[in-house]
């Protein structure tokens, strides 16, 4: 009986060590990938999706000026408030 418990404890310690190593390697890989992407974005800032490029691709009618709320959004909010008040 004593050897069964000892064997189970060794197996649990082994599983714990393997799990911790796998998590450490995964997190290290994730940190390396994020660092690499940050380096690429710093090295080539104008290649993909800079804010100016995104704004230039939109039509003039779809751009919302700062502080303005589009009319459909106001209508949706008003309808939601009316529905909420009618239920209470």
PDB file of N, CA and C in Angstrom:
ATOM      1  N   UNK A   1       0.828  -1.201   0.000  1.00  0.00           N
ATOM      2  CA  UNK A   1       0.000   0.000   0.000  1.00  0.00           C
ATOM      3  C   UNK A   1       0.862   1.250   0.000  1.00  0.00           C
ATOM      4  N   UNK A   2       1.952   1.199   0.750  1.00  0.00           N
ATOM      5  CA  UNK A   2       2.834   2.362   0.859  1.00  0.00           C
ATOM      6  C   UNK A   2       3.497   2.671  -0.480  1.00  0.00           C
ATOM      7  N   UNK A   3       3.848   1.656  -1.231  1.00  0.00           N
ATOM      8  CA  UNK A   3       4.513   1.874  -2.512  1.00  0.00           C
ATOM      9  C   UNK A   3       3.538   2.432  -3.549  1.00  0.00           C
ATOM     10  N   UNK A   4       2.252   2.092  -3.434  1.00  0.00           N
ATOM     11  CA  UNK A   4       1.270   2.630  -4.362  1.00  0.00           C
ATOM     12  C   UNK A   4       1.136   4.140  -4.199  1.00  0.00           C
ATOM     13  N   UNK A   5       1.117   4.600  -2.946  1.00  0.00           N
ATOM     14  CA  UNK A   5       0.999   6.025  -2.675  1.00  0.00           C
ATOM     15  C   UNK A   5       2.253   6.748  -3.156  1.00  0.00           C
ATOM     16  N   UNK A   6       3.403   6.161  -2.930  1.00  0.00           N
ATOM     17  CA  UNK A   6       4.657   6.766  -3.364  1.00  0.00           C
ATOM     18  C   UNK A   6       4.713   6.855  -4.886  1.00  0.00           C
ATOM     19  N   UNK A   7       4.295   5.806  -5.544  1.00  0.00           N
ATOM     20  CA  UNK A   7       4.291   5.811  -7.007  1.00  0.00           C
ATOM     21  C   UNK A   7       3.316   6.863  -7.547  1.00  0.00           C
ATOM     22  N   UNK A   8       2.180   6.988  -6.902  1.00  0.00           N
ATOM     23  CA  UNK A   8       1.214   7.992  -7.327  1.00  0.00           C
ATOM     24  C   UNK A   8       1.742   9.408  -7.103  1.00  0.00           C
ATOM     25  N   UNK A   9       2.443   9.607  -5.992  1.00  0.00           N
ATOM     26  CA  UNK A   9       3.022  10.927  -5.732  1.00  0.00           C
ATOM     27  C   UNK A   9       4.102  11.267  -6.746  1.00  0.00           C
ATOM     28  N   UNK A  10       4.931  10.289  -7.114  1.00  0.00           N
ATOM     29  CA  UNK A  10       5.950  10.537  -8.134  1.00  0.00           C
ATOM     30  C   UNK A  10       5.311  10.827  -9.493  1.00  0.00           C
ATOM     31  N   UNK A  11       4.243  10.104  -9.811  1.00  0.00           N
ATOM     32  CA  UNK A  11       3.549  10.346 -11.067  1.00  0.00           C
ATOM     33  C   UNK A  11       2.902  11.734 -11.071  1.00  0.00           C
ATOM     34  N   UNK A  12       2.343  12.139  -9.946  1.00  0.00           N
ATOM     35  CA  UNK A  12       1.746  13.471  -9.838  1.00  0.00           C
ATOM     36  C   UNK A  12       2.814  14.556  -9.974  1.00  0.00           C
ATOM     37  N   UNK A  13       3.977  14.358  -9.353  1.00  0.00           N
ATOM     38  CA  UNK A  13       5.064  15.329  -9.465  1.00  0.00           C
ATOM     39  C   UNK A  13       5.572  15.408 -10.897  1.00  0.00           C
ATOM     40  N   UNK A  14       5.651  14.279 -11.558  1.00  0.00           N
ATOM     41  CA  UNK A  14       6.080  14.251 -12.947  1.00  0.00           C
ATOM     42  C   UNK A  14       5.081  15.004 -13.829  1.00  0.00           C
ATOM     43  N   UNK A  15       3.801  14.760 -13.634  1.00  0.00           N
ATOM     44  CA  UNK A  15       2.761  15.439 -14.397  1.00  0.00           C
ATOM     45  C   UNK A  15       2.783  16.945 -14.122  1.00  0.00           C
ATOM     46  N   UNK A  16       3.007  17.316 -12.878  1.00  0.00           N
ATOM     47  CA  UNK A  16       3.110  18.726 -12.509  1.00  0.00           C
ATOM     48  C   UNK A  16       4.280  19.387 -13.225  1.00  0.00           C
ATOM     49  N   UNK A  17       5.431  18.740 -13.228  1.00  0.00           N
ATOM     50  CA  UNK A  17       6.619  19.304 -13.877  1.00  0.00           C
ATOM     51  C   UNK A  17       6.412  19.430 -15.386  1.00  0.00           C
ATOM     52  N   UNK A  18       5.842  18.412 -16.002  1.00  0.00           N
ATOM     53  CA  UNK A  18       5.602  18.467 -17.447  1.00  0.00           C
ATOM     54  C   UNK A  18       4.619  19.589 -17.773  1.00  0.00           C
ATOM     55  N   UNK A  19       3.579  19.712 -16.997  1.00  0.00           N
ATOM     56  CA  UNK A  19       2.593  20.770 -17.223  1.00  0.00           C
ATOM     57  C   UNK A  19       3.190  22.153 -17.075  1.00  0.00           C
ATOM     58  N   UNK A  20       4.011  22.344 -16.069  1.00  0.00           N
ATOM     59  CA  UNK A  20       4.633  23.648 -15.864  1.00  0.00           C
ATOM     60  C   UNK A  20       5.606  23.984 -16.990  1.00  0.00           C
ATOM     61  N   UNK A  21       6.338  22.997 -17.472  1.00  0.00           N
ATOM     62  CA  UNK A  21       7.270  23.229 -18.578  1.00  0.00           C
ATOM     63  C   UNK A  21       6.500  23.580 -19.854  1.00  0.00           C
ATOM     64  N   UNK A  22       5.401  22.888 -20.112  1.00  0.00           N
ATOM     65  CA  UNK A  22       4.598  23.177 -21.304  1.00  0.00           C
ATOM     66  C   UNK A  22       4.032  24.591 -21.237  1.00  0.00           C
ATOM     67  N   UNK A  23       3.505  24.988 -20.095  1.00  0.00           N
ATOM     68  CA  UNK A  23       2.959  26.337 -19.943  1.00  0.00           C
ATOM     69  C   UNK A  23       4.065  27.379 -20.096  1.00  0.00           C
ATOM     70  N   UNK A  24       5.217  27.134 -19.504  1.00  0.00           N
ATOM     71  CA  UNK A  24       6.334  28.064 -19.625  1.00  0.00           C
ATOM     72  C   UNK A  24       6.766  28.219 -21.077  1.00  0.00           C
ATOM     73  N   UNK A  25       6.868  27.113 -21.804  1.00  0.00           N
ATOM     74  CA  UNK A  25       7.260  27.184 -23.210  1.00  0.00           C
ATOM     75  C   UNK A  25       6.210  27.909 -24.049  1.00  0.00           C
ATOM     76  N   UNK A  26       4.949  27.650 -23.793  1.00  0.00           N
ATOM     77  CA  UNK A  26       3.885  28.329 -24.528  1.00  0.00           C
ATOM     78  C   UNK A  26       3.911  29.831 -24.272  1.00  0.00           C
ATOM     79  N   UNK A  27       4.037  30.228 -23.021  1.00  0.00           N
ATOM     80  CA  UNK A  27       4.073  31.651 -22.701  1.00  0.00           C
ATOM     81  C   UNK A  27       5.321  32.312 -23.272  1.00  0.00           C
ATOM     82  N   UNK A  28       6.438  31.618 -23.260  1.00  0.00           N
ATOM     83  CA  UNK A  28       7.663  32.162 -23.851  1.00  0.00           C
ATOM     84  C   UNK A  28       7.484  32.357 -25.351  1.00  0.00           C
ATOM     85  N   UNK A  29       6.868  31.396 -26.008  1.00  0.00           N
ATOM     86  CA  UNK A  29       6.600  31.511 -27.433  1.00  0.00           C
ATOM     87  C   UNK A  29       5.645  32.668 -27.717  1.00  0.00           C
ATOM     88  N   UNK A  30       4.642  32.835 -26.892  1.00  0.00           N
ATOM     89  CA  UNK A  30       3.689  33.917 -27.055  1.00  0.00           C
ATOM     90  C   UNK A  30       4.363  35.274 -26.880  1.00  0.00           C
ATOM     91  N   UNK A  31       5.204  35.403 -25.885  1.00  0.00           N
ATOM     92  CA  UNK A  31       5.925  36.655 -25.660  1.00  0.00           C
ATOM     93  C   UNK A  31       6.856  36.939 -26.834  1.00  0.00           C
ATOM     94  N   UNK A  32       7.536  35.917 -27.328  1.00  0.00           N
ATOM     95  CA  UNK A  32       8.408  36.089 -28.489  1.00  0.00           C
ATOM     96  C   UNK A  32       7.630  36.531 -29.725  1.00  0.00           C
ATOM     97  N   UNK A  33       6.451  35.950 -29.935  1.00  0.00           N
ATOM     98  CA  UNK A  33       5.640  36.316 -31.098  1.00  0.00           C
ATOM     99  C   UNK A  33       5.151  37.758 -30.996  1.00  0.00           C
ATOM    100  N   UNK A  34       4.699  38.157 -29.821  1.00  0.00           N
ATOM    101  CA  UNK A  34       4.226  39.533 -29.639  1.00  0.00           C
ATOM    102  C   UNK A  34       5.378  40.519 -29.806  1.00  0.00           C
ATOM    103  N   UNK A  35       6.545  40.178 -29.272  1.00  0.00           N
ATOM    104  CA  UNK A  35       7.714  41.038 -29.430  1.00  0.00           C
ATOM    105  C   UNK A  35       8.112  41.140 -30.900  1.00  0.00           C
ATOM    106  N   UNK A  36       8.071  40.024 -31.609  1.00  0.00           N
ATOM    107  CA  UNK A  36       8.391  40.040 -33.034  1.00  0.00           C
ATOM    108  C   UNK A  36       7.418  40.880 -33.837  1.00  0.00           C
ATOM    109  N   UNK A  37       6.141  40.778 -33.540  1.00  0.00           N
ATOM    110  CA  UNK A  37       5.139  41.573 -34.244  1.00  0.00           C
ATOM    111  C   UNK A  37       5.330  43.053 -33.936  1.00  0.00           C
ATOM    112  N   UNK A  38       5.636  43.379 -32.689  1.00  0.00           N
ATOM    113  CA  UNK A  38       5.890  44.777 -32.335  1.00  0.00           C
ATOM    114  C   UNK A  38       7.112  45.309 -33.069  1.00  0.00           C
ATOM    115  N   UNK A  39       8.138  44.485 -33.197  1.00  0.00           N
ATOM    116  CA  UNK A  39       9.340  44.899 -33.912  1.00  0.00           C
ATOM    117  C   UNK A  39       9.019  45.137 -35.390  1.00  0.00           C
ATOM    118  N   UNK A  40       8.245  44.224 -35.994  1.00  0.00           N
ATOM    119  CA  UNK A  40       7.866  44.394 -37.394  1.00  0.00           C
ATOM    120  C   UNK A  40       7.023  45.647 -37.605  1.00  0.00           C
ATOM    121  N   UNK A  41       6.111  45.911 -36.686  1.00  0.00           N
ATOM    122  CA  UNK A  41       5.271  47.103 -36.809  1.00  0.00           C
ATOM    123  C   UNK A  41       6.097  48.379 -36.662  1.00  0.00           C
ATOM    124  N   UNK A  42       7.119  48.336 -35.818  1.00  0.00           N
ATOM    125  CA  UNK A  42       7.991  49.505 -35.665  1.00  0.00           C
ATOM    126  C   UNK A  42       8.890  49.681 -36.884  1.00  0.00           C
ATOM    127  N   UNK A  43       9.324  48.581 -37.477  1.00  0.00           N
ATOM    128  CA  UNK A  43      10.236  48.653 -38.624  1.00  0.00           C
ATOM    129  C   UNK A  43       9.507  49.066 -39.900  1.00  0.00           C
ATOM    130  N   UNK A  44       8.283  48.603 -40.092  1.00  0.00           N
ATOM    131  CA  UNK A  44       7.496  48.915 -41.286  1.00  0.00           C
ATOM    132  C   UNK A  44       6.169  49.565 -40.884  1.00  0.00           C
ATOM    133  N   UNK A  45       6.181  50.796 -40.435  1.00  0.00           N
ATOM    134  CA  UNK A  45       4.945  51.394 -39.896  1.00  0.00           C
ATOM    135  C   UNK A  45       3.876  51.704 -40.931  1.00  0.00           C
ATOM    136  N   UNK A  46       4.248  51.982 -42.185  1.00  0.00           N
ATOM    137  CA  UNK A  46       3.257  52.407 -43.166  1.00  0.00           C
ATOM    138  C   UNK A  46       2.777  51.286 -44.081  1.00  0.00           C
ATOM    139  N   UNK A  47       3.204  50.075 -43.843  1.00  0.00           N
ATOM    140  CA  UNK A  47       2.871  48.992 -44.756  1.00  0.00           C
ATOM    141  C   UNK A  47       1.420  48.541 -44.637  1.00  0.00           C
ATOM    142  N   UNK A  48       0.955  48.281 -43.434  1.00  0.00           N
ATOM    143  CA  UNK A  48      -0.358  47.661 -43.266  1.00  0.00           C
ATOM    144  C   UNK A  48      -1.214  48.502 -42.325  1.00  0.00           C
ATOM    145  N   UNK A  49      -2.341  48.942 -42.804  1.00  0.00           N
ATOM    146  CA  UNK A  49      -3.397  49.500 -41.979  1.00  0.00           C
ATOM    147  C   UNK A  49      -3.041  50.679 -41.109  1.00  0.00           C
ATOM    148  N   UNK A  50      -2.270  51.631 -41.581  1.00  0.00           N
ATOM    149  CA  UNK A  50      -2.053  52.817 -40.768  1.00  0.00           C
ATOM    150  C   UNK A  50      -3.371  53.583 -40.725  1.00  0.00           C
ATOM    151  N   UNK A  51      -3.617  54.359 -39.666  1.00  0.00           N
ATOM    152  CA  UNK A  51      -4.905  55.058 -39.549  1.00  0.00           C
ATOM    153  C   UNK A  51      -5.193  55.979 -40.730  1.00  0.00           C
ATOM    154  N   UNK A  52      -4.178  56.613 -41.284  1.00  0.00           N
ATOM    155  CA  UNK A  52      -4.395  57.506 -42.412  1.00  0.00           C
ATOM    156  C   UNK A  52      -4.874  56.729 -43.636  1.00  0.00           C
ATOM    157  N   UNK A  53      -4.299  55.554 -43.868  1.00  0.00           N
ATOM    158  CA  UNK A  53      -4.703  54.729 -45.002  1.00  0.00           C
ATOM    159  C   UNK A  53      -6.146  54.269 -44.839  1.00  0.00           C
ATOM    160  N   UNK A  54      -6.524  53.911 -43.639  1.00  0.00           N
ATOM    161  CA  UNK A  54      -7.891  53.461 -43.386  1.00  0.00           C
ATOM    162  C   UNK A  54      -8.866  54.601 -43.605  1.00  0.00           C
ATOM    163  N   UNK A  55      -8.533  55.809 -43.140  1.00  0.00           N
ATOM    164  CA  UNK A  55      -9.419  56.950 -43.326  1.00  0.00           C
ATOM    165  C   UNK A  55      -9.545  57.330 -44.790  1.00  0.00           C
ATOM    166  N   UNK A  56      -8.455  57.225 -45.544  1.00  0.00           N
ATOM    167  CA  UNK A  56      -8.506  57.579 -46.952  1.00  0.00           C
ATOM    168  C   UNK A  56      -9.348  56.596 -47.752  1.00  0.00           C
ATOM    169  N   UNK A  57      -9.456  55.362 -47.295  1.00  0.00           N
ATOM    170  CA  UNK A  57     -10.221  54.366 -48.032  1.00  0.00           C
ATOM    171  C   UNK A  57     -11.722  54.501 -47.824  1.00  0.00           C
ATOM    172  N   UNK A  58     -12.142  55.197 -46.768  1.00  0.00           N
ATOM    173  CA  UNK A  58     -13.569  55.377 -46.521  1.00  0.00           C
ATOM    174  C   UNK A  58     -14.105  56.517 -47.378  1.00  0.00           C
ATOM    175  N   UNK A  59     -15.370  56.437 -47.688  1.00  0.00           N
ATOM    176  CA  UNK A  59     -15.983  57.525 -48.445  1.00  0.00           C
ATOM    177  C   UNK A  59     -16.246  58.692 -47.507  1.00  0.00           C
ATOM    178  N   UNK A  60     -16.399  59.871 -48.065  1.00  0.00           N
ATOM    179  CA  UNK A  60     -16.580  61.080 -47.258  1.00  0.00           C
ATOM    180  C   UNK A  60     -17.894  61.045 -46.496  1.00  0.00           C
ATOM    181  N   UNK A  61     -18.901  60.343 -47.006  1.00  0.00           N
ATOM    182  CA  UNK A  61     -20.198  60.320 -46.329  1.00  0.00           C
ATOM    183  C   UNK A  61     -20.207  59.380 -45.132  1.00  0.00           C
ATOM    184  N   UNK A  62     -19.288  58.407 -45.092  1.00  0.00           N
ATOM    185  CA  UNK A  62     -19.309  57.456 -43.985  1.00  0.00           C
ATOM    186  C   UNK A  62     -18.450  57.890 -42.809  1.00  0.00           C
ATOM    187  N   UNK A  63     -17.718  58.981 -42.957  1.00  0.00           N
ATOM    188  CA  UNK A  63     -16.853  59.440 -41.869  1.00  0.00           C
ATOM    189  C   UNK A  63     -17.695  60.246 -40.887  1.00  0.00           C
ATOM    190  N   UNK A  64     -17.609  59.888 -39.618  1.00  0.00           N
ATOM    191  CA  UNK A  64     -18.317  60.592 -38.567  1.00  0.00           C
ATOM    192  C   UNK A  64     -17.340  61.554 -37.920  1.00  0.00           C
ATOM    193  N   UNK A  65     -17.710  62.804 -37.871  1.00  0.00           N
ATOM    194  CA  UNK A  65     -16.837  63.792 -37.253  1.00  0.00           C
ATOM    195  C   UNK A  65     -16.844  63.599 -35.753  1.00  0.00           C
ATOM    196  N   UNK A  66     -15.772  64.030 -35.132  1.00  0.00           N
ATOM    197  CA  UNK A  66     -15.629  63.844 -33.692  1.00  0.00           C
ATOM    198  C   UNK A  66     -16.739  64.597 -32.969  1.00  0.00           C
ATOM    199  N   UNK A  67     -17.423  63.908 -32.065  1.00  0.00           N
ATOM    200  CA  UNK A  67     -18.500  64.514 -31.301  1.00  0.00           C
ATOM    201  C   UNK A  67     -19.872  64.304 -31.918  1.00  0.00           C
ATOM    202  N   UNK A  68     -19.957  63.894 -33.188  1.00  0.00           N
ATOM    203  CA  UNK A  68     -21.239  63.655 -33.827  1.00  0.00           C
ATOM    204  C   UNK A  68     -21.657  62.208 -33.624  1.00  0.00           C
ATOM    205  N   UNK A  69     -22.953  62.021 -33.435  1.00  0.00           N
ATOM    206  CA  UNK A  69     -23.498  60.673 -33.334  1.00  0.00           C
ATOM    207  C   UNK A  69     -24.406  60.470 -34.536  1.00  0.00           C
ATOM    208  N   UNK A  70     -24.215  59.407 -35.286  1.00  0.00           N
ATOM    209  CA  UNK A  70     -25.053  59.185 -36.474  1.00  0.00           C
ATOM    210  C   UNK A  70     -26.528  59.051 -36.108  1.00  0.00           C
ATOM    211  N   UNK A  71     -27.394  59.487 -37.009  1.00  0.00           N
ATOM    212  CA  UNK A  71     -28.833  59.484 -36.767  1.00  0.00           C
ATOM    213  C   UNK A  71     -29.393  58.083 -36.499  1.00  0.00           C
ATOM    214  N   UNK A  72     -28.947  57.031 -37.208  1.00  0.00           N
ATOM    215  CA  UNK A  72     -29.477  55.692 -36.888  1.00  0.00           C
ATOM    216  C   UNK A  72     -29.128  55.230 -35.474  1.00  0.00           C
ATOM    217  N   UNK A  73     -27.981  55.652 -34.979  1.00  0.00           N
ATOM    218  CA  UNK A  73     -27.601  55.274 -33.612  1.00  0.00           C
ATOM    219  C   UNK A  73     -28.507  55.972 -32.615  1.00  0.00           C
ATOM    220  N   UNK A  74     -28.791  57.244 -32.849  1.00  0.00           N
ATOM    221  CA  UNK A  74     -29.697  57.991 -31.955  1.00  0.00           C
ATOM    222  C   UNK A  74     -31.079  57.350 -31.971  1.00  0.00           C
ATOM    223  N   UNK A  75     -31.559  56.953 -33.145  1.00  0.00           N
ATOM    224  CA  UNK A  75     -32.876  56.319 -33.240  1.00  0.00           C
ATOM    225  C   UNK A  75     -32.905  54.992 -32.501  1.00  0.00           C
ATOM    226  N   UNK A  76     -31.830  54.209 -32.604  1.00  0.00           N
ATOM    227  CA  UNK A  76     -31.778  52.918 -31.908  1.00  0.00           C
ATOM    228  C   UNK A  76     -31.758  53.106 -30.403  1.00  0.00           C
ATOM    229  N   UNK A  77     -31.012  54.097 -29.921  1.00  0.00           N
ATOM    230  CA  UNK A  77     -30.959  54.370 -28.485  1.00  0.00           C
ATOM    231  C   UNK A  77     -32.321  54.831 -27.980  1.00  0.00           C
ATOM    232  N   UNK A  78     -32.974  55.704 -28.742  1.00  0.00           N
ATOM    233  CA  UNK A  78     -34.297  56.190 -28.336  1.00  0.00           C
ATOM    234  C   UNK A  78     -35.304  55.039 -28.285  1.00  0.00           C
ATOM    235  N   UNK A  79     -35.248  54.146 -29.261  1.00  0.00           N
ATOM    236  CA  UNK A  79     -36.162  52.999 -29.255  1.00  0.00           C
ATOM    237  C   UNK A  79     -35.893  52.083 -28.073  1.00  0.00           C
ATOM    238  N   UNK A  80     -34.633  51.878 -27.739  1.00  0.00           N
ATOM    239  CA  UNK A  80     -34.297  51.023 -26.599  1.00  0.00           C
ATOM    240  C   UNK A  80     -34.782  51.639 -25.290  1.00  0.00           C
ATOM    241  N   UNK A  81     -34.633  52.959 -25.155  1.00  0.00           N
ATOM    242  CA  UNK A  81     -35.111  53.636 -23.931  1.00  0.00           C
ATOM    243  C   UNK A  81     -36.627  53.544 -23.829  1.00  0.00           C
ATOM    244  N   UNK A  82     -37.327  53.749 -24.940  1.00  0.00           N
ATOM    245  CA  UNK A  82     -38.792  53.665 -24.933  1.00  0.00           C
ATOM    246  C   UNK A  82     -39.242  52.253 -24.564  1.00  0.00           C
ATOM    247  N   UNK A  83     -38.589  51.245 -25.111  1.00  0.00           N
ATOM    248  CA  UNK A  83     -38.954  49.869 -24.800  1.00  0.00           C
ATOM    249  C   UNK A  83     -38.673  49.565 -23.329  1.00  0.00           C
ATOM    250  N   UNK A  84     -37.561  50.042 -22.812  1.00  0.00           N
ATOM    251  CA  UNK A  84     -37.203  49.799 -21.414  1.00  0.00           C
ATOM    252  C   UNK A  84     -38.231  50.449 -20.492  1.00  0.00           C
ATOM    253  N   UNK A  85     -38.592  51.684 -20.798  1.00  0.00           N
ATOM    254  CA  UNK A  85     -39.570  52.397 -19.936  1.00  0.00           C
ATOM    255  C   UNK A  85     -40.942  51.781 -20.011  1.00  0.00           C
ATOM    256  N   UNK A  86     -41.311  51.219 -21.153  1.00  0.00           N
ATOM    257  CA  UNK A  86     -42.644  50.619 -21.266  1.00  0.00           C
ATOM    258  C   UNK A  86     -42.751  49.318 -20.474  1.00  0.00           C
ATOM    259  N   UNK A  87     -41.647  48.651 -20.238  1.00  0.00           N
ATOM    260  CA  UNK A  87     -41.653  47.398 -19.479  1.00  0.00           C
ATOM    261  C   UNK A  87     -41.644  47.619 -17.973  1.00  0.00           C
ATOM    262  N   UNK A  88     -41.284  48.785 -17.522  1.00  0.00           N
ATOM    263  CA  UNK A  88     -41.195  49.040 -16.082  1.00  0.00           C
ATOM    264  C   UNK A  88     -42.435  49.643 -15.572  1.00  0.00           C
TER     265      UNK A  88
END
